[in-house]
Amino acid sequence: MASGLLFLLLLGIGGNMFCEAFGTNRIIICEHSTVQLTCAPGFAIFVRSADYGRHDTVTCSA
């Protein structure tokens, strides 16, 4: 059975005006794994894209 895969591309945005980007983080979460997304007060996490499924046989192959 192939493992599930969730891919998130996150963009950390500064302040409530959403005008100053601090950078992006790529997070890969394999089946039966969890991750907690947090940021400092007054900041927001913007999910630029998310994808569920397998795109290769190497990532999350265990």
PDB file of N, CA and C in Angstrom:
ATOM      1  N   MET A   1       0.845  -1.178   0.000  1.00  0.00           N
ATOM      2  CA  MET A   1       0.000   0.000   0.000  1.00  0.00           C
ATOM      3  C   MET A   1       0.886   1.236   0.000  1.00  0.00           C
ATOM      4  N   ALA A   2       0.633   2.178  -0.861  1.00  0.00           N
ATOM      5  CA  ALA A   2       1.427   3.403  -0.949  1.00  0.00           C
ATOM      6  C   ALA A   2       1.102   4.321   0.218  1.00  0.00           C
ATOM      7  N   SER A   3       2.108   4.992   0.714  1.00  0.00           N
ATOM      8  CA  SER A   3       1.919   5.937   1.805  1.00  0.00           C
ATOM      9  C   SER A   3       1.274   7.207   1.286  1.00  0.00           C
ATOM     10  N   GLY A   4       0.477   7.828   2.132  1.00  0.00           N
ATOM     11  CA  GLY A   4      -0.097   9.118   1.781  1.00  0.00           C
ATOM     12  C   GLY A   4       0.955  10.204   1.954  1.00  0.00           C
ATOM     13  N   LEU A   5       0.789  11.285   1.259  1.00  0.00           N
ATOM     14  CA  LEU A   5       1.739  12.381   1.308  1.00  0.00           C
ATOM     15  C   LEU A   5       0.978  13.683   1.238  1.00  0.00           C
ATOM     16  N   LEU A   6       1.292  14.597   2.138  1.00  0.00           N
ATOM     17  CA  LEU A   6       0.700  15.923   2.108  1.00  0.00           C
ATOM     18  C   LEU A   6       1.821  16.915   1.947  1.00  0.00           C
ATOM     19  N   PHE A   7       1.737  17.759   0.950  1.00  0.00           N
ATOM     20  CA  PHE A   7       2.760  18.752   0.663  1.00  0.00           C
ATOM     21  C   PHE A   7       2.159  20.134   0.854  1.00  0.00           C
ATOM     22  N   LEU A   8       2.800  20.940   1.675  1.00  0.00           N
ATOM     23  CA  LEU A   8       2.340  22.304   1.889  1.00  0.00           C
ATOM     24  C   LEU A   8       3.459  23.271   1.551  1.00  0.00           C
ATOM     25  N   LEU A   9       3.157  24.316   0.847  1.00  0.00           N
ATOM     26  CA  LEU A   9       4.100  25.397   0.625  1.00  0.00           C
ATOM     27  C   LEU A   9       3.553  26.584   1.386  1.00  0.00           C
ATOM     28  N   LEU A  10       4.291  26.987   2.408  1.00  0.00           N
ATOM     29  CA  LEU A  10       3.808  28.029   3.302  1.00  0.00           C
ATOM     30  C   LEU A  10       4.562  29.319   3.075  1.00  0.00           C
ATOM     31  N   LEU A  11       3.846  30.410   3.177  1.00  0.00           N
ATOM     32  CA  LEU A  11       4.443  31.725   3.064  1.00  0.00           C
ATOM     33  C   LEU A  11       4.127  32.482   4.334  1.00  0.00           C
ATOM     34  N   GLY A  12       5.157  32.825   5.111  1.00  0.00           N
ATOM     35  CA  GLY A  12       4.948  33.585   6.338  1.00  0.00           C
ATOM     36  C   GLY A  12       4.776  35.052   5.998  1.00  0.00           C
ATOM     37  N   ILE A  13       3.690  35.633   6.434  1.00  0.00           N
ATOM     38  CA  ILE A  13       3.379  37.012   6.101  1.00  0.00           C
ATOM     39  C   ILE A  13       3.439  37.854   7.373  1.00  0.00           C
ATOM     40  N   GLY A  14       4.025  39.017   7.293  1.00  0.00           N
ATOM     41  CA  GLY A  14       4.180  39.885   8.455  1.00  0.00           C
ATOM     42  C   GLY A  14       2.998  40.811   8.663  1.00  0.00           C
ATOM     43  N   GLY A  15       2.572  40.944   9.910  1.00  0.00           N
ATOM     44  CA  GLY A  15       1.540  41.902  10.283  1.00  0.00           C
ATOM     45  C   GLY A  15       0.168  41.584   9.733  1.00  0.00           C
ATOM     46  N   ASN A  16      -0.773  42.443  10.071  1.00  0.00           N
ATOM     47  CA  ASN A  16      -2.143  42.249   9.621  1.00  0.00           C
ATOM     48  C   ASN A  16      -2.378  42.774   8.210  1.00  0.00           C
ATOM     49  N   MET A  17      -1.430  43.511   7.653  1.00  0.00           N
ATOM     50  CA  MET A  17      -1.619  44.101   6.338  1.00  0.00           C
ATOM     51  C   MET A  17      -1.217  43.149   5.216  1.00  0.00           C
ATOM     52  N   PHE A  18      -0.598  42.046   5.540  1.00  0.00           N
ATOM     53  CA  PHE A  18      -0.198  41.051   4.552  1.00  0.00           C
ATOM     54  C   PHE A  18       0.632  41.664   3.424  1.00  0.00           C
ATOM     55  N   CYS A  19       1.620  42.470   3.784  1.00  0.00           N
ATOM     56  CA  CYS A  19       2.380  43.138   2.740  1.00  0.00           C
ATOM     57  C   CYS A  19       3.864  42.801   2.770  1.00  0.00           C
ATOM     58  N   GLU A  20       4.364  42.252   3.838  1.00  0.00           N
ATOM     59  CA  GLU A  20       5.795  41.980   3.931  1.00  0.00           C
ATOM     60  C   GLU A  20       6.038  40.489   4.124  1.00  0.00           C
ATOM     61  N   ALA A  21       6.514  39.824   3.103  1.00  0.00           N
ATOM     62  CA  ALA A  21       6.771  38.385   3.179  1.00  0.00           C
ATOM     63  C   ALA A  21       8.111  38.128   3.847  1.00  0.00           C
ATOM     64  N   PHE A  22       8.142  37.171   4.757  1.00  0.00           N
ATOM     65  CA  PHE A  22       9.374  36.814   5.453  1.00  0.00           C
ATOM     66  C   PHE A  22      10.040  35.586   4.856  1.00  0.00           C
ATOM     67  N   GLY A  23       9.418  34.928   3.907  1.00  0.00           N
ATOM     68  CA  GLY A  23      10.022  33.751   3.295  1.00  0.00           C
ATOM     69  C   GLY A  23       9.035  32.608   3.189  1.00  0.00           C
ATOM     70  N   THR A  24       9.481  31.563   2.548  1.00  0.00           N
ATOM     71  CA  THR A  24       8.631  30.391   2.372  1.00  0.00           C
ATOM     72  C   THR A  24       9.276  29.173   3.010  1.00  0.00           C
ATOM     73  N   ASN A  25       8.447  28.253   3.410  1.00  0.00           N
ATOM     74  CA  ASN A  25       8.887  26.975   3.957  1.00  0.00           C
ATOM     75  C   ASN A  25       8.132  25.871   3.244  1.00  0.00           C
ATOM     76  N   ARG A  26       8.833  24.836   2.883  1.00  0.00           N
ATOM     77  CA  ARG A  26       8.218  23.667   2.258  1.00  0.00           C
ATOM     78  C   ARG A  26       8.175  22.569   3.307  1.00  0.00           C
ATOM     79  N   ILE A  27       7.004  22.009   3.518  1.00  0.00           N
ATOM     80  CA  ILE A  27       6.821  20.975   4.528  1.00  0.00           C
ATOM     81  C   ILE A  27       6.228  19.746   3.853  1.00  0.00           C
ATOM     82  N   ILE A  28       6.863  18.601   4.061  1.00  0.00           N
ATOM     83  CA  ILE A  28       6.339  17.334   3.557  1.00  0.00           C
ATOM     84  C   ILE A  28       5.970  16.480   4.761  1.00  0.00           C
ATOM     85  N   ILE A  29       4.742  16.015   4.793  1.00  0.00           N
ATOM     86  CA  ILE A  29       4.238  15.220   5.905  1.00  0.00           C
ATOM     87  C   ILE A  29       3.804  13.870   5.347  1.00  0.00           C
ATOM     88  N   CYS A  30       4.405  12.807   5.855  1.00  0.00           N
ATOM     89  CA  CYS A  30       4.063  11.462   5.393  1.00  0.00           C
ATOM     90  C   CYS A  30       2.895  10.896   6.198  1.00  0.00           C
ATOM     91  N   GLU A  31       2.287   9.855   5.662  1.00  0.00           N
ATOM     92  CA  GLU A  31       1.151   9.200   6.291  1.00  0.00           C
ATOM     93  C   GLU A  31       1.450   8.856   7.746  1.00  0.00           C
ATOM     94  N   HIS A  32       0.468   9.052   8.607  1.00  0.00           N
ATOM     95  CA  HIS A  32       0.539   8.780  10.043  1.00  0.00           C
ATOM     96  C   HIS A  32       1.463   9.748  10.775  1.00  0.00           C
ATOM     97  N   SER A  33       1.840  10.847  10.149  1.00  0.00           N
ATOM     98  CA  SER A  33       2.665  11.871  10.784  1.00  0.00           C
ATOM     99  C   SER A  33       1.830  13.130  10.973  1.00  0.00           C
ATOM    100  N   THR A  34       2.260  13.967  11.894  1.00  0.00           N
ATOM    101  CA  THR A  34       1.578  15.235  12.129  1.00  0.00           C
ATOM    102  C   THR A  34       2.602  16.360  12.176  1.00  0.00           C
ATOM    103  N   VAL A  35       2.124  17.558  12.000  1.00  0.00           N
ATOM    104  CA  VAL A  35       2.953  18.746  12.142  1.00  0.00           C
ATOM    105  C   VAL A  35       2.071  19.852  12.716  1.00  0.00           C
ATOM    106  N   GLN A  36       2.653  20.701  13.535  1.00  0.00           N
ATOM    107  CA  GLN A  36       1.928  21.830  14.097  1.00  0.00           C
ATOM    108  C   GLN A  36       2.492  23.103  13.488  1.00  0.00           C
ATOM    109  N   LEU A  37       1.640  23.890  12.872  1.00  0.00           N
ATOM    110  CA  LEU A  37       2.045  25.141  12.249  1.00  0.00           C
ATOM    111  C   LEU A  37       1.719  26.289  13.191  1.00  0.00           C
ATOM    112  N   THR A  38       2.719  27.071  13.554  1.00  0.00           N
ATOM    113  CA  THR A  38       2.513  28.202  14.453  1.00  0.00           C
ATOM    114  C   THR A  38       3.308  29.401  13.958  1.00  0.00           C
ATOM    115  N   CYS A  39       2.912  30.565  14.411  1.00  0.00           N
ATOM    116  CA  CYS A  39       3.688  31.773  14.151  1.00  0.00           C
ATOM    117  C   CYS A  39       3.455  32.747  15.298  1.00  0.00           C
ATOM    118  N   ALA A  40       4.250  33.788  15.326  1.00  0.00           N
ATOM    119  CA  ALA A  40       4.190  34.769  16.411  1.00  0.00           C
ATOM    120  C   ALA A  40       2.870  35.539  16.374  1.00  0.00           C
ATOM    121  N   PRO A  41       2.432  36.052  17.537  1.00  0.00           N
ATOM    122  CA  PRO A  41       1.218  36.872  17.576  1.00  0.00           C
ATOM    123  C   PRO A  41       1.333  38.054  16.609  1.00  0.00           C
ATOM    124  N   GLY A  42       0.245  38.353  15.932  1.00  0.00           N
ATOM    125  CA  GLY A  42       0.234  39.449  14.978  1.00  0.00           C
ATOM    126  C   GLY A  42       0.671  39.052  13.581  1.00  0.00           C
ATOM    127  N   PHE A  43       1.058  37.790  13.408  1.00  0.00           N
ATOM    128  CA  PHE A  43       1.482  37.290  12.105  1.00  0.00           C
ATOM    129  C   PHE A  43       0.507  36.213  11.647  1.00  0.00           C
ATOM    130  N   ALA A  44       0.530  35.902  10.370  1.00  0.00           N
ATOM    131  CA  ALA A  44      -0.379  34.904   9.809  1.00  0.00           C
ATOM    132  C   ALA A  44       0.403  33.908   8.976  1.00  0.00           C
ATOM    133  N   ILE A  45      -0.151  32.716   8.837  1.00  0.00           N
ATOM    134  CA  ILE A  45       0.412  31.695   7.956  1.00  0.00           C
ATOM    135  C   ILE A  45      -0.478  31.619   6.725  1.00  0.00           C
ATOM    136  N   PHE A  46       0.107  31.787   5.573  1.00  0.00           N
ATOM    137  CA  PHE A  46      -0.611  31.714   4.309  1.00  0.00           C
ATOM    138  C   PHE A  46      -0.181  30.440   3.602  1.00  0.00           C
ATOM    139  N   VAL A  47      -1.117  29.537   3.367  1.00  0.00           N
ATOM    140  CA  VAL A  47      -0.822  28.303   2.642  1.00  0.00           C
ATOM    141  C   VAL A  47      -0.924  28.623   1.159  1.00  0.00           C
ATOM    142  N   ARG A  48       0.218  28.681   0.510  1.00  0.00           N
ATOM    143  CA  ARG A  48       0.260  29.036  -0.913  1.00  0.00           C
ATOM    144  C   ARG A  48      -0.256  27.900  -1.784  1.00  0.00           C
ATOM    145  N   SER A  49       0.079  26.674  -1.426  1.00  0.00           N
ATOM    146  CA  SER A  49      -0.452  25.519  -2.146  1.00  0.00           C
ATOM    147  C   SER A  49      -0.381  24.302  -1.250  1.00  0.00           C
ATOM    148  N   ALA A  50      -1.227  23.334  -1.533  1.00  0.00           N
ATOM    149  CA  ALA A  50      -1.226  22.069  -0.803  1.00  0.00           C
ATOM    150  C   ALA A  50      -1.557  20.965  -1.795  1.00  0.00           C
ATOM    151  N   ASP A  51      -0.988  19.809  -1.579  1.00  0.00           N
ATOM    152  CA  ASP A  51      -1.190  18.696  -2.502  1.00  0.00           C
ATOM    153  C   ASP A  51      -1.225  17.409  -1.692  1.00  0.00           C
ATOM    154  N   TYR A  52      -2.137  16.531  -2.013  1.00  0.00           N
ATOM    155  CA  TYR A  52      -2.230  15.245  -1.346  1.00  0.00           C
ATOM    156  C   TYR A  52      -2.048  14.158  -2.389  1.00  0.00           C
ATOM    157  N   GLY A  53      -1.147  13.231  -2.132  1.00  0.00           N
ATOM    158  CA  GLY A  53      -0.945  12.121  -3.055  1.00  0.00           C
ATOM    159  C   GLY A  53       0.522  11.868  -3.317  1.00  0.00           C
ATOM    160  N   ARG A  54       0.789  10.860  -4.100  1.00  0.00           N
ATOM    161  CA  ARG A  54       2.166  10.464  -4.421  1.00  0.00           C
ATOM    162  C   ARG A  54       2.544  10.975  -5.797  1.00  0.00           C
ATOM    163  N   HIS A  55       3.767  11.519  -5.899  1.00  0.00           N
ATOM    164  CA  HIS A  55       4.269  11.994  -7.181  1.00  0.00           C
ATOM    165  C   HIS A  55       5.557  11.285  -7.577  1.00  0.00           C
ATOM    166  N   ASP A  56       6.111  10.494  -6.660  1.00  0.00           N
ATOM    167  CA  ASP A  56       7.301   9.701  -6.961  1.00  0.00           C
ATOM    168  C   ASP A  56       7.314   8.500  -6.022  1.00  0.00           C
ATOM    169  N   THR A  57       8.257   7.595  -6.213  1.00  0.00           N
ATOM    170  CA  THR A  57       8.326   6.388  -5.385  1.00  0.00           C
ATOM    171  C   THR A  57       9.355   6.502  -4.274  1.00  0.00           C
ATOM    172  N   VAL A  58      10.006   7.659  -4.152  1.00  0.00           N
ATOM    173  CA  VAL A  58      11.062   7.835  -3.158  1.00  0.00           C
ATOM    174  C   VAL A  58      10.552   8.541  -1.902  1.00  0.00           C
ATOM    175  N   THR A  59       9.831   9.637  -2.071  1.00  0.00           N
ATOM    176  CA  THR A  59       9.338  10.417  -0.940  1.00  0.00           C
ATOM    177  C   THR A  59       8.329   9.595  -0.150  1.00  0.00           C
ATOM    178  N   CYS A  60       8.525   9.499   1.147  1.00  0.00           N
ATOM    179  CA  CYS A  60       7.647   8.743   2.051  1.00  0.00           C
ATOM    180  C   CYS A  60       7.540   7.273   1.647  1.00  0.00           C
ATOM    181  N   SER A  61       8.630   6.696   1.227  1.00  0.00           N
ATOM    182  CA  SER A  61       8.592   5.309   0.741  1.00  0.00           C
ATOM    183  C   SER A  61       8.691   4.266   1.844  1.00  0.00           C
ATOM    184  N   ALA A  62       8.969   4.673   3.076  1.00  0.00           N
ATOM    185  CA  ALA A  62       9.150   3.707   4.164  1.00  0.00           C
ATOM    186  C   ALA A  62       7.854   3.063   4.580  1.00  0.00           C
TER     187      ALA A  62
END
